[in-house]
Amino acid sequence: MCRARAGACAVRTYPGAGRRGGRRRLGGRGQRTTAPAARRGGGLVSGLAHVQADFQDYLLRESEAVGAHVLGTARVPVATRLGIYAGAYRSRLAEALQSNFPALAKLLGEADFHTLAAAYVRTHDSPYFSIRYYGDALPQFLAAHEDYAAAPVLAELARWEWTMTGVFDAPDATPLTHEALAGVAPQQWARLRFTWHPSVRRLALSWNVPQIWQALTEDRERPQASLNAAPLPWLLWRHELTSYFRSLTHTESALLDAARNGWPFGELCELLCEELGEAQAPAHAAALLRDWVGSGLISGVA
């Protein structure tokens, strides 16, 4: 769903299946493990840790050491038993990628995305307890891989999707109100610094990926990929359960970045004076601050 709000697009976003999953237990019926050597060396606990370490090495690096702990049968030999788990592990990671990058998956199509996911999974383990974070390096992977670097819009679309996920998953904070801001004493304004909502993100995009993403998400006709004359600044944030995004002018982008880097309001006004001149700067600063507060971007002042 997209609707206008203060010049921004809003989309109610829900975490995908991959982000709901926490730490998954790899195991199941039909596999028995023994670790007699480990038991002799340090008991059941250390033996289990040894088996787990060998099993992890098999999943991540195809080490064969875990085979010594697995009992095979004539019908289901050791290699087949282990292969079932390895295949399930890689499939789960591929599913997480599709859940975390649904627009990219739709753009590429099922077969091509499967090829991409397989290539990524082969070279990227999951170091996180939650599978929600799997795929954080996919934008860089797409930008560097010889099969995808020639289409840089793919890497940028992946970066956009990952950022949107971060916006939705960010911690919440109570937004600053206009009434609270009005209570600031006049002599404090020059030194005033802002605390930003944890969901606020900034991107500079060379391609029209927000429009492509929105069309793919809403099942509308997708625009052709087009390169901007210069990287375009974008602002992304969340208010309650709705994620918003809008493009920025270069003036607002510079001011917003400075404010997020801790510049006090007085120095922000000086920056605006350099950009717009003393006649226009005060009104422009007031308008921007009013919009930032009204949009829920700011959660406090100090």
Protein backbone atom coordinates (compact mmCIF):
# COMPACT_ATOMS: atom_id res chain seq x y z
CA MET A 1 0.00 0.00 0.00
CA CYS A 2 1.36 3.39 -0.94
CA ARG A 3 -0.13 6.72 -0.02
CA ALA A 4 1.08 10.29 0.07
CA ARG A 5 2.15 11.85 3.31
CA ALA A 6 4.18 15.04 3.33
CA GLY A 7 5.51 14.25 -0.12
CA ALA A 8 6.57 10.75 0.89
CA CYS A 9 5.46 7.29 -0.11
CA ALA A 10 4.28 5.02 2.66
CA VAL A 11 4.22 1.28 2.57
CA ARG A 12 2.94 -0.93 5.37
CA THR A 13 5.60 -3.57 5.64
CA TYR A 14 5.59 -6.89 7.40
CA PRO A 15 8.61 -9.11 8.05
CA GLY A 16 8.92 -12.02 5.62
CA ALA A 17 9.17 -15.65 6.47
CA GLY A 18 12.93 -15.51 6.50
CA ARG A 19 12.91 -12.73 9.07
CA ARG A 20 10.47 -14.55 11.34
CA GLY A 21 12.75 -17.51 11.65
CA GLY A 22 15.17 -17.52 14.50
CA ARG A 23 17.88 -20.04 15.09
CA ARG A 24 16.90 -23.30 13.39
CA ARG A 25 17.80 -26.69 14.79
CA LEU A 26 19.42 -28.92 12.21
CA GLY A 27 18.49 -32.49 12.97
CA GLY A 28 15.74 -35.02 12.62
CA ARG A 29 14.72 -38.62 12.79
CA GLY A 30 16.75 -41.33 11.16
CA GLN A 31 20.22 -40.10 12.11
CA ARG A 32 22.13 -41.59 15.03
CA THR A 33 25.45 -40.20 16.14
CA THR A 34 28.18 -41.69 18.25
CA ALA A 35 31.39 -40.19 19.49
CA PRO A 36 33.32 -42.89 21.34
CA ALA A 37 36.70 -41.21 20.93
CA ALA A 38 35.35 -37.91 22.26
CA ARG A 39 33.77 -39.64 25.25
CA ARG A 40 37.08 -41.19 26.18
CA GLY A 41 38.71 -37.78 25.96
CA GLY A 42 36.34 -35.72 28.08
CA GLY A 43 32.88 -37.11 28.64
CA LEU A 44 29.49 -36.69 27.03
CA VAL A 45 29.44 -32.87 26.93
CA SER A 46 32.80 -32.49 25.22
CA GLY A 47 31.87 -35.36 22.90
CA LEU A 48 28.69 -33.60 21.81
CA ALA A 49 30.61 -30.37 21.22
CA HIS A 50 33.09 -32.27 19.07
CA VAL A 51 30.30 -33.78 16.98
CA GLN A 52 28.62 -30.40 16.60
CA ALA A 53 31.88 -28.78 15.50
CA ASP A 54 32.51 -31.51 12.93
CA PHE A 55 28.95 -31.23 11.67
CA GLN A 56 29.27 -27.48 11.28
CA ASP A 57 32.54 -27.93 9.38
CA TYR A 58 30.73 -30.31 7.05
CA LEU A 59 27.90 -27.88 6.37
CA LEU A 60 30.13 -24.86 5.87
CA ARG A 61 33.32 -26.32 4.45
CA GLU A 62 32.34 -29.84 3.31
CA SER A 63 34.74 -31.43 5.82
CA GLU A 64 34.35 -35.21 5.93
CA ALA A 65 35.34 -35.62 9.59
CA VAL A 66 31.73 -35.78 10.76
CA GLY A 67 31.27 -39.01 8.81
CA ALA A 68 33.05 -40.88 11.59
CA HIS A 69 30.18 -40.00 13.95
CA VAL A 70 27.33 -41.08 11.65
CA LEU A 71 25.95 -44.59 11.21
CA GLY A 72 24.91 -45.42 7.69
CA THR A 73 22.93 -48.35 6.34
CA ALA A 74 22.94 -50.21 3.05
CA ARG A 75 19.80 -48.34 2.08
CA VAL A 76 20.86 -44.92 3.34
CA PRO A 77 24.66 -44.63 3.45
CA VAL A 78 26.51 -41.97 5.43
CA ALA A 79 27.01 -39.66 2.44
CA THR A 80 23.29 -39.71 1.67
CA ARG A 81 22.32 -39.02 5.28
CA LEU A 82 24.66 -36.05 5.52
CA GLY A 83 23.64 -34.79 2.09
CA ILE A 84 20.05 -34.49 3.25
CA TYR A 85 21.08 -32.09 6.00
CA ALA A 86 23.47 -30.14 3.79
CA GLY A 87 20.79 -29.70 1.15
CA ALA A 88 18.25 -28.58 3.74
CA TYR A 89 20.72 -26.08 5.21
CA ARG A 90 21.48 -24.49 1.85
CA SER A 91 17.83 -24.49 0.85
CA ARG A 92 16.90 -22.67 4.05
CA LEU A 93 19.49 -19.98 3.35
CA ALA A 94 18.21 -19.61 -0.21
CA GLU A 95 14.65 -19.26 1.13
CA ALA A 96 15.87 -16.56 3.51
CA LEU A 97 17.36 -14.63 0.59
CA GLN A 98 14.09 -14.81 -1.30
CA SER A 99 12.21 -13.65 1.78
CA ASN A 100 14.58 -10.75 2.40
CA PHE A 101 14.78 -9.70 -1.27
CA PRO A 102 11.33 -10.41 -2.75
CA ALA A 103 11.43 -7.64 -5.37
CA LEU A 104 14.85 -8.74 -6.62
CA ALA A 105 13.58 -12.32 -6.79
CA LYS A 106 10.55 -11.23 -8.81
CA LEU A 107 12.69 -9.13 -11.15
CA LEU A 108 15.12 -11.96 -11.89
CA GLY A 109 12.55 -14.73 -12.06
CA GLU A 110 12.58 -18.04 -10.25
CA ALA A 111 15.35 -19.77 -12.21
CA ASP A 112 17.79 -16.85 -12.29
CA PHE A 113 17.23 -16.02 -8.64
CA HIS A 114 17.85 -19.65 -7.73
CA THR A 115 21.18 -19.44 -9.58
CA LEU A 116 22.06 -16.23 -7.74
CA ALA A 117 21.07 -17.67 -4.36
CA ALA A 118 23.12 -20.82 -4.94
CA ALA A 119 26.20 -18.77 -5.85
CA TYR A 120 25.78 -16.55 -2.79
CA VAL A 121 25.17 -19.44 -0.38
CA ARG A 122 28.30 -21.23 -1.63
CA THR A 123 30.47 -18.30 -0.58
CA HIS A 124 28.59 -16.82 2.40
CA ASP A 125 27.95 -18.63 5.66
CA SER A 126 25.35 -17.39 8.13
CA PRO A 127 27.19 -16.10 11.24
CA TYR A 128 23.99 -14.88 12.91
CA PHE A 129 21.67 -16.56 15.40
CA SER A 130 18.69 -15.18 13.45
CA ILE A 131 18.31 -15.97 9.76
CA ARG A 132 16.66 -12.57 9.35
CA TYR A 133 20.14 -11.05 8.93
CA TYR A 134 21.25 -13.43 6.19
CA GLY A 135 21.88 -11.56 2.96
CA ASP A 136 23.51 -8.43 4.35
CA ALA A 137 26.39 -8.80 1.87
CA LEU A 138 24.23 -9.51 -1.19
CA PRO A 139 24.44 -5.94 -2.58
CA GLN A 140 28.24 -6.07 -2.50
CA PHE A 141 28.19 -9.58 -3.94
CA LEU A 142 26.08 -8.42 -6.89
CA ALA A 143 28.28 -5.39 -7.48
CA ALA A 144 31.46 -7.49 -7.58
CA HIS A 145 30.38 -10.76 -9.21
CA GLU A 146 31.26 -11.04 -12.88
CA ASP A 147 27.81 -12.38 -13.76
CA TYR A 148 25.96 -9.42 -12.22
CA ALA A 149 28.31 -6.42 -12.16
CA ALA A 150 27.29 -5.46 -15.70
CA ALA A 151 23.77 -4.73 -14.37
CA PRO A 152 24.45 -2.38 -11.42
CA VAL A 153 20.74 -1.74 -10.94
CA LEU A 154 20.53 -5.22 -9.36
CA ALA A 155 23.01 -4.36 -6.61
CA GLU A 156 21.25 -1.07 -5.98
CA LEU A 157 17.84 -2.74 -5.79
CA ALA A 158 19.24 -5.23 -3.28
CA ARG A 159 20.69 -2.35 -1.24
CA TRP A 160 17.30 -0.63 -1.27
CA GLU A 161 15.45 -3.75 -0.13
CA TRP A 162 17.95 -4.45 2.64
CA THR A 163 17.67 -0.85 3.84
CA MET A 164 13.86 -1.03 3.82
CA THR A 165 14.05 -4.17 5.94
CA GLY A 166 16.33 -2.37 8.38
CA VAL A 167 13.88 0.52 8.56
CA PHE A 168 11.03 -1.80 9.50
CA ASP A 169 13.05 -3.82 12.01
CA ALA A 170 14.65 -0.83 13.76
CA PRO A 171 13.78 -0.16 17.41
CA ASP A 172 10.94 2.24 18.08
CA ALA A 173 11.12 5.58 19.86
CA THR A 174 8.56 8.20 20.82
CA PRO A 175 8.68 11.05 18.28
CA LEU A 176 9.28 14.61 19.38
CA THR A 177 6.14 16.75 19.24
CA HIS A 178 5.75 20.31 18.00
CA GLU A 179 4.53 21.23 21.50
CA ALA A 180 7.70 19.91 23.12
CA LEU A 181 9.86 21.78 20.61
CA ALA A 182 7.95 24.99 21.27
CA GLY A 183 8.98 24.74 24.92
CA VAL A 184 12.68 25.17 24.12
CA ALA A 185 13.98 28.47 25.49
CA PRO A 186 15.13 30.97 22.79
CA GLN A 187 18.67 31.16 24.19
CA GLN A 188 19.06 27.38 23.78
CA TRP A 189 18.25 27.16 20.07
CA ALA A 190 21.74 27.84 18.74
CA ARG A 191 23.16 24.91 20.76
CA LEU A 192 20.22 22.58 20.16
CA ARG A 193 21.07 19.09 18.86
CA PHE A 194 18.59 16.49 17.69
CA THR A 195 18.18 12.81 18.50
CA TRP A 196 16.92 10.88 15.49
CA HIS A 197 14.44 8.05 15.33
CA PRO A 198 16.36 4.73 15.15
CA SER A 199 14.70 3.84 11.84
CA VAL A 200 16.00 6.85 9.89
CA ARG A 201 18.17 5.84 6.94
CA ARG A 202 19.80 7.72 4.06
CA LEU A 203 20.72 6.43 0.63
CA ALA A 204 22.15 7.95 -2.54
CA LEU A 205 20.86 6.07 -5.58
CA SER A 206 22.09 6.19 -9.15
CA TRP A 207 19.11 4.28 -10.56
CA ASN A 208 15.33 4.55 -10.32
CA VAL A 209 15.16 1.58 -7.96
CA PRO A 210 12.46 3.00 -5.63
CA GLN A 211 10.06 3.18 -8.58
CA ILE A 212 11.09 -0.29 -9.77
CA TRP A 213 10.72 -1.71 -6.26
CA GLN A 214 7.32 -0.11 -5.79
CA ALA A 215 6.01 -1.46 -9.11
CA LEU A 216 7.27 -4.96 -8.33
CA THR A 217 5.83 -4.84 -4.81
CA GLU A 218 2.42 -3.63 -5.98
CA ASP A 219 2.28 -5.88 -9.08
CA ARG A 220 2.13 -2.88 -11.40
CA GLU A 221 3.84 -2.37 -14.74
CA ARG A 222 7.53 -2.00 -14.05
CA PRO A 223 9.35 1.03 -15.46
CA GLN A 224 12.53 0.50 -17.43
CA ALA A 225 15.71 0.92 -15.44
CA SER A 226 17.08 4.41 -15.95
CA LEU A 227 20.29 6.02 -14.74
CA ASN A 228 19.99 9.33 -12.92
CA ALA A 229 22.09 12.24 -14.13
CA ALA A 230 23.65 12.27 -10.66
CA PRO A 231 23.10 10.14 -7.54
CA LEU A 232 19.78 11.12 -5.98
CA PRO A 233 19.51 11.38 -2.18
CA TRP A 234 16.69 9.45 -0.49
CA LEU A 235 15.34 9.43 3.04
CA LEU A 236 13.74 6.34 4.58
CA TRP A 237 12.11 6.00 8.00
CA ARG A 238 9.29 4.32 9.91
CA HIS A 239 6.46 5.78 11.92
CA GLU A 240 4.61 3.18 13.98
CA LEU A 241 4.06 0.24 11.57
CA THR A 242 4.37 2.21 8.34
CA SER A 243 7.62 2.71 6.44
CA TYR A 244 8.07 5.93 4.47
CA PHE A 245 10.51 7.09 1.84
CA ARG A 246 10.99 10.21 -0.23
CA SER A 247 13.65 11.86 -2.33
CA LEU A 248 15.52 14.88 -1.00
CA THR A 249 16.83 18.06 -2.50
CA HIS A 250 20.58 18.35 -2.23
CA THR A 251 20.13 21.25 0.20
CA GLU A 252 17.93 19.23 2.56
CA SER A 253 20.21 16.23 2.15
CA ALA A 254 23.26 18.22 3.23
CA LEU A 255 21.39 19.74 6.18
CA LEU A 256 19.93 16.41 7.29
CA ASP A 257 23.30 14.66 7.14
CA ALA A 258 24.92 17.44 9.14
CA ALA A 259 22.15 17.32 11.74
CA ARG A 260 22.47 13.55 12.07
CA ASN A 261 26.22 14.00 12.54
CA GLY A 262 25.55 16.15 15.61
CA TRP A 263 25.73 19.70 14.28
CA PRO A 264 23.86 22.16 16.54
CA PHE A 265 20.95 24.11 15.11
CA GLY A 266 22.95 27.33 14.93
CA GLU A 267 25.54 25.74 12.65
CA LEU A 268 22.79 24.20 10.54
CA CYS A 269 21.39 27.67 9.99
CA GLU A 270 24.85 28.92 8.99
CA LEU A 271 25.05 26.09 6.46
CA LEU A 272 21.70 27.14 5.04
CA CYS A 273 22.87 30.75 4.82
CA GLU A 274 25.78 29.60 2.68
CA GLU A 275 23.41 27.63 0.45
CA LEU A 276 20.45 30.00 0.17
CA GLY A 277 21.52 33.37 1.51
CA GLU A 278 20.55 35.12 4.74
CA ALA A 279 17.17 36.27 3.42
CA GLN A 280 15.81 32.78 2.72
CA ALA A 281 17.66 30.67 5.28
CA PRO A 282 15.54 31.31 8.44
CA ALA A 283 12.20 30.47 6.82
CA HIS A 284 13.67 27.43 5.08
CA ALA A 285 15.21 26.15 8.33
CA ALA A 286 11.89 26.54 10.14
CA ALA A 287 10.01 24.73 7.35
CA LEU A 288 12.44 21.81 7.29
CA LEU A 289 12.42 21.42 11.06
CA ARG A 290 8.62 21.54 11.11
CA ASP A 291 8.48 18.81 8.46
CA TRP A 292 11.06 16.61 10.23
CA VAL A 293 9.15 16.81 13.50
CA GLY A 294 5.78 16.27 11.81
CA SER A 295 7.09 13.20 10.00
CA GLY A 296 8.36 11.61 13.21
CA LEU A 297 12.04 11.75 12.24
CA ILE A 298 13.20 13.34 15.49
CA SER A 299 12.78 11.65 18.86
CA GLY A 300 14.45 14.18 21.15
CA VAL A 301 16.54 17.34 21.60
CA ALA A 302 19.46 18.17 23.83
